[in-house]
Amino acid sequence: MTAAVRPAWDEAPTRLGQAVKAVVVGVVLLAVLFPLWVVVLTSVSPSTAITEAGGLVVVPDGFTLGAYAELLSGGTVTRSVLVSTGITVVGTLFSVVVTLLAAYGLSRPGSFAHRPLLFVVLLTFLFGPGLIPTYLLVQSLGLLDTYAALVLPGAVAAFNLVVLRSFFMNIPQDLVDSARIDGAGDFRVLTRIVLPLSKGVTAVIALFYAVGYWNAFFNAFLYLNSTDKWPLQLVLRAYVLQGQPIPGASPADSTLDGTGGLVATLAVKMAVVVIAVVPVLLVYPFVQKHFTKGVIVGAIKG
């Protein structure tokens, strides 16, 4: 009898294969971390180091938090950080709650208007309302120049709703039936049976919404007329990409960086970038363990 031939992906990797994988992973890791390293290092470098480097700093040469002290001492950036934080927290909570309720309702075959509502949700994958109709709707509802315009138009993402619905449909029906025998209603079943079994996929959906709200700038660009209501991403766009001066920030030629030198404009710009990026990097590790499991289980089963 001949031995069964195992497929290539079941074979033990060779030393050459392991070396190639290590090189590829190292290159990808370097490509990801190097820009972040340069941005962070430039934001904490004194003006002399930035001048000597001719711009972005690659090799450390001094350390100062003058740029962060200038940005967070009050004014536009501090206010925009608070605005972005509030929108992210409130928007994420609202979107997660609404998505959970809608997904649970659509996962119950006997629920009211189950098929028509599901068809409407799936239809949004193919057709969007368009920019002008959406703007006119927001305007007609009186939401222009309000924070509600940053949350309500995109409160529910069809993809997240479909993932949650798929996950809820694969929860054993026996658990739901046993709860109903004990007299539990739909809301009690959702909170006591379904949600405890859905922590992983719910954490992933919450991460999707939080990152979306934190990074969103286009809705604010369209609907907010007052600059004092700008979230951080609009400040990042205006003052880093377009080079506009930051209102309320001290001029570069009059602000000390804590080392006897002056705060460089480039350091201030890079500090804004760091403030915009770091919160997402800090939050992601706490839900990373749920990420793959939650998405795969919610999207593939059923």
Protein backbone atom coordinates (compact mmCIF):
# COMPACT_ATOMS: atom_id res chain seq x y z
CA MET A 1 0.00 0.00 0.00
CA THR A 2 1.26 3.47 -0.81
CA ALA A 3 1.28 6.13 1.86
CA ALA A 4 -1.25 8.86 1.45
CA VAL A 5 0.22 12.03 0.11
CA ARG A 6 -0.53 15.01 2.32
CA PRO A 7 -1.44 18.34 0.71
CA ALA A 8 1.26 20.97 0.54
CA TRP A 9 -0.29 23.13 3.26
CA ASP A 10 -0.10 20.22 5.73
CA GLU A 11 3.61 19.71 5.24
CA ALA A 12 6.05 21.01 7.83
CA PRO A 13 7.65 24.27 6.62
CA THR A 14 11.26 24.04 5.51
CA ARG A 15 13.97 26.27 6.91
CA LEU A 16 14.03 28.21 3.66
CA GLY A 17 10.29 28.71 3.84
CA GLN A 18 10.50 29.89 7.44
CA ALA A 19 13.31 32.30 6.53
CA VAL A 20 11.30 33.74 3.62
CA LYS A 21 8.25 34.16 5.85
CA ALA A 22 10.36 35.92 8.49
CA VAL A 23 11.80 38.30 5.90
CA VAL A 24 8.38 39.10 4.44
CA VAL A 25 6.85 39.69 7.88
CA GLY A 26 9.82 41.84 8.85
CA VAL A 27 9.51 43.98 5.72
CA VAL A 28 5.76 44.45 6.24
CA LEU A 29 6.29 45.29 9.91
CA LEU A 30 8.99 47.81 9.02
CA ALA A 31 6.77 49.40 6.37
CA VAL A 32 4.02 49.83 8.97
CA LEU A 33 6.10 50.97 11.94
CA PHE A 34 8.65 53.22 10.23
CA PRO A 35 6.17 56.00 9.26
CA LEU A 36 4.69 55.88 12.76
CA TRP A 37 8.18 56.06 14.26
CA VAL A 38 9.05 59.12 12.15
CA VAL A 39 5.82 60.93 13.01
CA VAL A 40 6.10 60.29 16.75
CA LEU A 41 9.81 61.12 16.84
CA THR A 42 9.33 64.37 14.93
CA SER A 43 6.52 65.42 17.28
CA VAL A 44 8.83 65.10 20.33
CA SER A 45 11.98 66.53 18.74
CA PRO A 46 13.23 70.06 19.46
CA SER A 47 13.34 72.58 16.66
CA THR A 48 17.14 72.25 16.33
CA ALA A 49 16.86 68.52 15.55
CA ILE A 50 14.11 69.15 12.98
CA THR A 51 16.20 71.88 11.33
CA GLU A 52 19.28 69.66 11.18
CA ALA A 53 17.24 66.79 9.70
CA GLY A 54 15.76 69.09 7.10
CA GLY A 55 12.22 68.05 8.03
CA LEU A 56 11.08 64.72 9.43
CA VAL A 57 13.39 63.26 12.08
CA VAL A 58 14.53 59.65 11.75
CA VAL A 59 17.31 59.47 14.36
CA PRO A 60 16.56 60.78 17.90
CA ASP A 61 18.35 63.98 18.81
CA GLY A 62 16.76 65.49 21.91
CA PHE A 63 13.34 65.20 23.47
CA THR A 64 10.61 67.70 24.26
CA LEU A 65 6.85 67.71 24.75
CA GLY A 66 6.54 71.36 23.81
CA ALA A 67 4.34 70.67 20.79
CA TYR A 68 1.87 68.64 22.87
CA ALA A 69 1.89 71.24 25.64
CA GLU A 70 1.07 73.92 23.10
CA LEU A 71 -1.75 71.93 21.48
CA LEU A 72 -3.36 70.70 24.69
CA SER A 73 -3.08 73.93 26.66
CA GLY A 74 -6.50 74.98 25.38
CA GLY A 75 -7.91 76.19 22.12
CA THR A 76 -8.90 74.50 18.89
CA VAL A 77 -7.12 71.14 19.25
CA THR A 78 -8.17 70.55 22.87
CA ARG A 79 -11.77 71.35 22.01
CA SER A 80 -11.69 69.15 18.91
CA VAL A 81 -10.34 66.21 20.94
CA LEU A 82 -13.26 66.58 23.37
CA VAL A 83 -15.71 66.82 20.46
CA SER A 84 -14.32 63.71 18.76
CA THR A 85 -14.32 61.79 22.03
CA GLY A 86 -17.94 62.71 22.76
CA ILE A 87 -19.11 61.88 19.24
CA THR A 88 -17.26 58.56 19.31
CA VAL A 89 -18.62 57.49 22.70
CA VAL A 90 -22.21 58.61 22.14
CA GLY A 91 -22.30 57.51 18.50
CA THR A 92 -20.84 54.08 19.23
CA LEU A 93 -23.27 53.40 22.07
CA PHE A 94 -26.24 54.54 19.98
CA SER A 95 -25.19 52.59 16.89
CA VAL A 96 -24.43 49.39 18.81
CA VAL A 97 -27.77 49.48 20.64
CA VAL A 98 -29.78 50.17 17.48
CA THR A 99 -27.86 47.55 15.50
CA LEU A 100 -28.33 44.94 18.21
CA LEU A 101 -32.07 45.54 18.41
CA ALA A 102 -32.50 45.55 14.63
CA ALA A 103 -30.33 42.47 14.12
CA TYR A 104 -32.20 40.51 16.80
CA GLY A 105 -35.56 41.47 15.33
CA LEU A 106 -34.50 40.47 11.81
CA SER A 107 -33.07 37.18 13.11
CA ARG A 108 -36.51 36.08 14.34
CA PRO A 109 -38.38 34.57 11.34
CA GLY A 110 -41.79 35.42 12.79
CA SER A 111 -41.04 39.07 13.54
CA PHE A 112 -43.14 41.87 12.03
CA ALA A 113 -42.30 42.67 8.37
CA HIS A 114 -39.23 40.47 8.62
CA ARG A 115 -38.64 39.87 4.92
CA PRO A 116 -39.43 43.40 3.60
CA LEU A 117 -37.18 45.03 6.19
CA LEU A 118 -34.37 42.56 5.50
CA PHE A 119 -34.73 43.27 1.78
CA VAL A 120 -34.41 47.01 2.42
CA VAL A 121 -31.24 46.44 4.46
CA LEU A 122 -29.68 44.23 1.80
CA LEU A 123 -30.67 46.73 -0.90
CA THR A 124 -28.35 49.32 0.67
CA PHE A 125 -25.38 47.13 -0.31
CA LEU A 126 -26.20 47.84 -3.96
CA PHE A 127 -27.70 51.34 -3.93
CA GLY A 128 -26.81 54.36 -1.82
CA PRO A 129 -28.99 57.45 -1.32
CA GLY A 130 -26.42 59.80 -2.83
CA LEU A 131 -24.73 62.86 -1.42
CA ILE A 132 -27.26 65.53 -2.42
CA PRO A 133 -30.41 63.65 -1.24
CA THR A 134 -28.69 62.89 2.06
CA TYR A 135 -27.72 66.52 2.53
CA LEU A 136 -31.26 67.69 1.71
CA LEU A 137 -32.68 65.19 4.22
CA VAL A 138 -30.33 66.38 6.96
CA GLN A 139 -31.22 69.97 6.12
CA SER A 140 -34.97 69.30 6.15
CA LEU A 141 -34.68 67.67 9.58
CA GLY A 142 -32.94 70.77 10.95
CA LEU A 143 -29.74 68.91 11.77
CA LEU A 144 -27.29 71.21 9.99
CA ASP A 145 -24.53 72.53 12.25
CA THR A 146 -25.46 70.07 15.00
CA TYR A 147 -23.61 67.07 16.38
CA ALA A 148 -26.62 64.88 15.62
CA ALA A 149 -25.77 65.21 11.93
CA LEU A 150 -22.52 63.36 12.62
CA VAL A 151 -24.30 60.38 14.21
CA LEU A 152 -27.79 59.85 12.80
CA PRO A 153 -27.12 59.62 9.00
CA GLY A 154 -24.72 56.70 9.49
CA ALA A 155 -26.01 55.28 12.74
CA VAL A 156 -26.52 51.75 11.35
CA ALA A 157 -24.12 50.05 8.96
CA ALA A 158 -25.75 47.34 6.85
CA PHE A 159 -22.64 45.14 7.01
CA ASN A 160 -22.58 45.19 10.81
CA LEU A 161 -26.30 44.49 10.93
CA VAL A 162 -25.99 41.47 8.63
CA VAL A 163 -23.04 40.07 10.61
CA LEU A 164 -24.94 40.35 13.90
CA ARG A 165 -28.11 38.88 12.40
CA SER A 166 -26.18 35.91 11.03
CA PHE A 167 -24.63 35.31 14.44
CA PHE A 168 -27.97 35.56 16.27
CA MET A 169 -29.57 33.06 13.89
CA ASN A 170 -26.97 30.45 14.89
CA ILE A 171 -27.69 30.66 18.61
CA PRO A 172 -29.36 27.36 19.60
CA GLN A 173 -33.11 27.73 19.48
CA ASP A 174 -33.42 25.45 22.53
CA LEU A 175 -31.93 28.18 24.72
CA VAL A 176 -34.48 30.70 23.48
CA ASP A 177 -37.36 28.23 23.87
CA SER A 178 -36.34 27.35 27.43
CA ALA A 179 -36.27 31.04 28.34
CA ARG A 180 -39.71 31.55 26.82
CA ILE A 181 -41.07 28.58 28.80
CA ASP A 182 -39.88 30.38 31.94
CA GLY A 183 -41.91 33.42 30.88
CA ALA A 184 -39.14 35.58 29.36
CA GLY A 185 -40.10 38.06 26.68
CA ASP A 186 -38.05 39.13 23.68
CA PHE A 187 -36.18 41.87 25.54
CA ARG A 188 -35.30 39.53 28.41
CA VAL A 189 -34.16 36.83 25.97
CA LEU A 190 -31.96 39.38 24.22
CA THR A 191 -30.33 40.71 27.38
CA ARG A 192 -30.05 37.47 29.38
CA ILE A 193 -29.45 34.84 26.68
CA VAL A 194 -28.36 36.36 23.38
CA LEU A 195 -26.03 39.17 24.47
CA PRO A 196 -23.92 37.10 26.91
CA LEU A 197 -23.27 34.66 24.05
CA SER A 198 -22.42 37.49 21.64
CA LYS A 199 -19.69 39.37 23.49
CA GLY A 200 -17.05 38.69 20.85
CA VAL A 201 -19.01 39.77 17.79
CA THR A 202 -20.49 42.74 19.69
CA ALA A 203 -16.99 43.91 20.63
CA VAL A 204 -15.96 43.74 16.97
CA ILE A 205 -19.02 45.69 15.83
CA ALA A 206 -18.38 48.30 18.54
CA LEU A 207 -14.78 48.61 17.33
CA PHE A 208 -15.94 49.13 13.75
CA TYR A 209 -18.33 51.88 14.82
CA ALA A 210 -15.84 53.55 17.17
CA VAL A 211 -13.07 53.67 14.57
CA GLY A 212 -15.54 54.96 11.99
CA TYR A 213 -16.78 57.79 14.23
CA TRP A 214 -13.28 58.72 15.37
CA ASN A 215 -11.85 58.87 11.84
CA ALA A 216 -14.88 60.43 10.12
CA PHE A 217 -14.44 63.93 8.78
CA PHE A 218 -16.60 64.14 5.63
CA ASN A 219 -19.92 64.43 7.46
CA ALA A 220 -18.45 67.15 9.67
CA PHE A 221 -17.09 68.87 6.58
CA LEU A 222 -20.57 68.84 5.00
CA TYR A 223 -22.86 69.56 7.92
CA LEU A 224 -20.89 71.72 10.39
CA ASN A 225 -20.58 75.42 9.69
CA SER A 226 -19.05 76.47 13.02
CA THR A 227 -15.33 75.85 13.39
CA ASP A 228 -15.70 75.59 17.16
CA LYS A 229 -17.67 72.37 16.59
CA TRP A 230 -15.01 70.74 14.43
CA PRO A 231 -13.89 67.21 15.42
CA LEU A 232 -10.21 66.35 15.49
CA GLN A 233 -10.12 64.90 11.99
CA LEU A 234 -11.27 68.18 10.45
CA VAL A 235 -8.55 69.98 12.40
CA LEU A 236 -6.06 67.41 11.11
CA ARG A 237 -7.22 67.99 7.54
CA ALA A 238 -7.21 71.76 7.74
CA TYR A 239 -4.03 72.38 9.69
CA VAL A 240 -1.82 69.50 8.60
CA LEU A 241 -2.82 68.80 5.00
CA GLN A 242 -3.83 72.33 4.00
CA GLY A 243 -1.27 74.13 6.17
CA GLN A 244 -3.72 76.55 7.77
CA PRO A 245 -2.67 78.14 11.09
CA ILE A 246 -4.19 76.74 14.26
CA PRO A 247 -6.43 79.34 15.92
CA GLY A 248 -5.54 79.79 19.57
CA ALA A 249 -2.12 78.17 19.23
CA SER A 250 0.93 80.30 19.94
CA PRO A 251 3.08 81.34 16.98
CA ALA A 252 6.14 79.19 16.43
CA ASP A 253 8.45 82.14 16.88
CA SER A 254 7.24 82.85 20.40
CA THR A 255 6.69 79.44 21.99
CA LEU A 256 9.46 77.66 23.87
CA ASP A 257 9.71 73.89 23.54
CA GLY A 258 11.03 73.31 27.05
CA THR A 259 14.65 72.92 25.98
CA GLY A 260 15.40 76.58 25.46
CA GLY A 261 14.44 76.44 21.79
CA LEU A 262 11.28 77.23 19.89
CA VAL A 263 8.46 74.86 18.98
CA ALA A 264 8.77 73.93 15.31
CA THR A 265 5.64 74.11 13.16
CA LEU A 266 6.32 70.62 11.79
CA ALA A 267 6.48 69.22 15.34
CA VAL A 268 3.06 70.70 16.06
CA LYS A 269 1.62 69.16 12.89
CA MET A 270 3.05 65.75 13.72
CA ALA A 271 1.71 66.04 17.27
CA VAL A 272 -1.78 66.55 15.82
CA VAL A 273 -1.31 63.38 13.75
CA VAL A 274 -0.21 61.42 16.82
CA ILE A 275 -3.18 62.63 18.86
CA ALA A 276 -5.51 61.52 16.05
CA VAL A 277 -3.92 58.07 15.61
CA VAL A 278 -2.94 56.93 19.12
CA PRO A 279 -6.45 56.44 20.63
CA VAL A 280 -7.31 53.81 17.99
CA LEU A 281 -3.98 52.05 18.59
CA LEU A 282 -4.67 51.98 22.33
CA VAL A 283 -8.20 50.61 22.00
CA TYR A 284 -7.53 47.92 19.40
CA PRO A 285 -5.43 45.53 21.59
CA PHE A 286 -8.30 45.20 24.08
CA VAL A 287 -10.69 43.84 21.43
CA GLN A 288 -8.14 42.18 19.14
CA LYS A 289 -8.69 38.78 20.74
CA HIS A 290 -12.37 38.98 19.75
CA PHE A 291 -11.75 40.37 16.28
CA THR A 292 -11.07 37.25 14.19
CA LYS A 293 -13.42 34.99 16.15
CA GLY A 294 -16.27 37.48 16.12
CA VAL A 295 -16.13 38.29 12.42
CA ILE A 296 -15.61 34.70 11.25
CA VAL A 297 -18.35 33.23 13.44
CA GLY A 298 -20.78 36.04 12.60
CA ALA A 299 -20.12 36.10 8.88
CA ILE A 300 -19.55 32.48 7.87
CA LYS A 301 -21.92 30.36 9.93
CA GLY A 302 -25.42 30.06 8.57
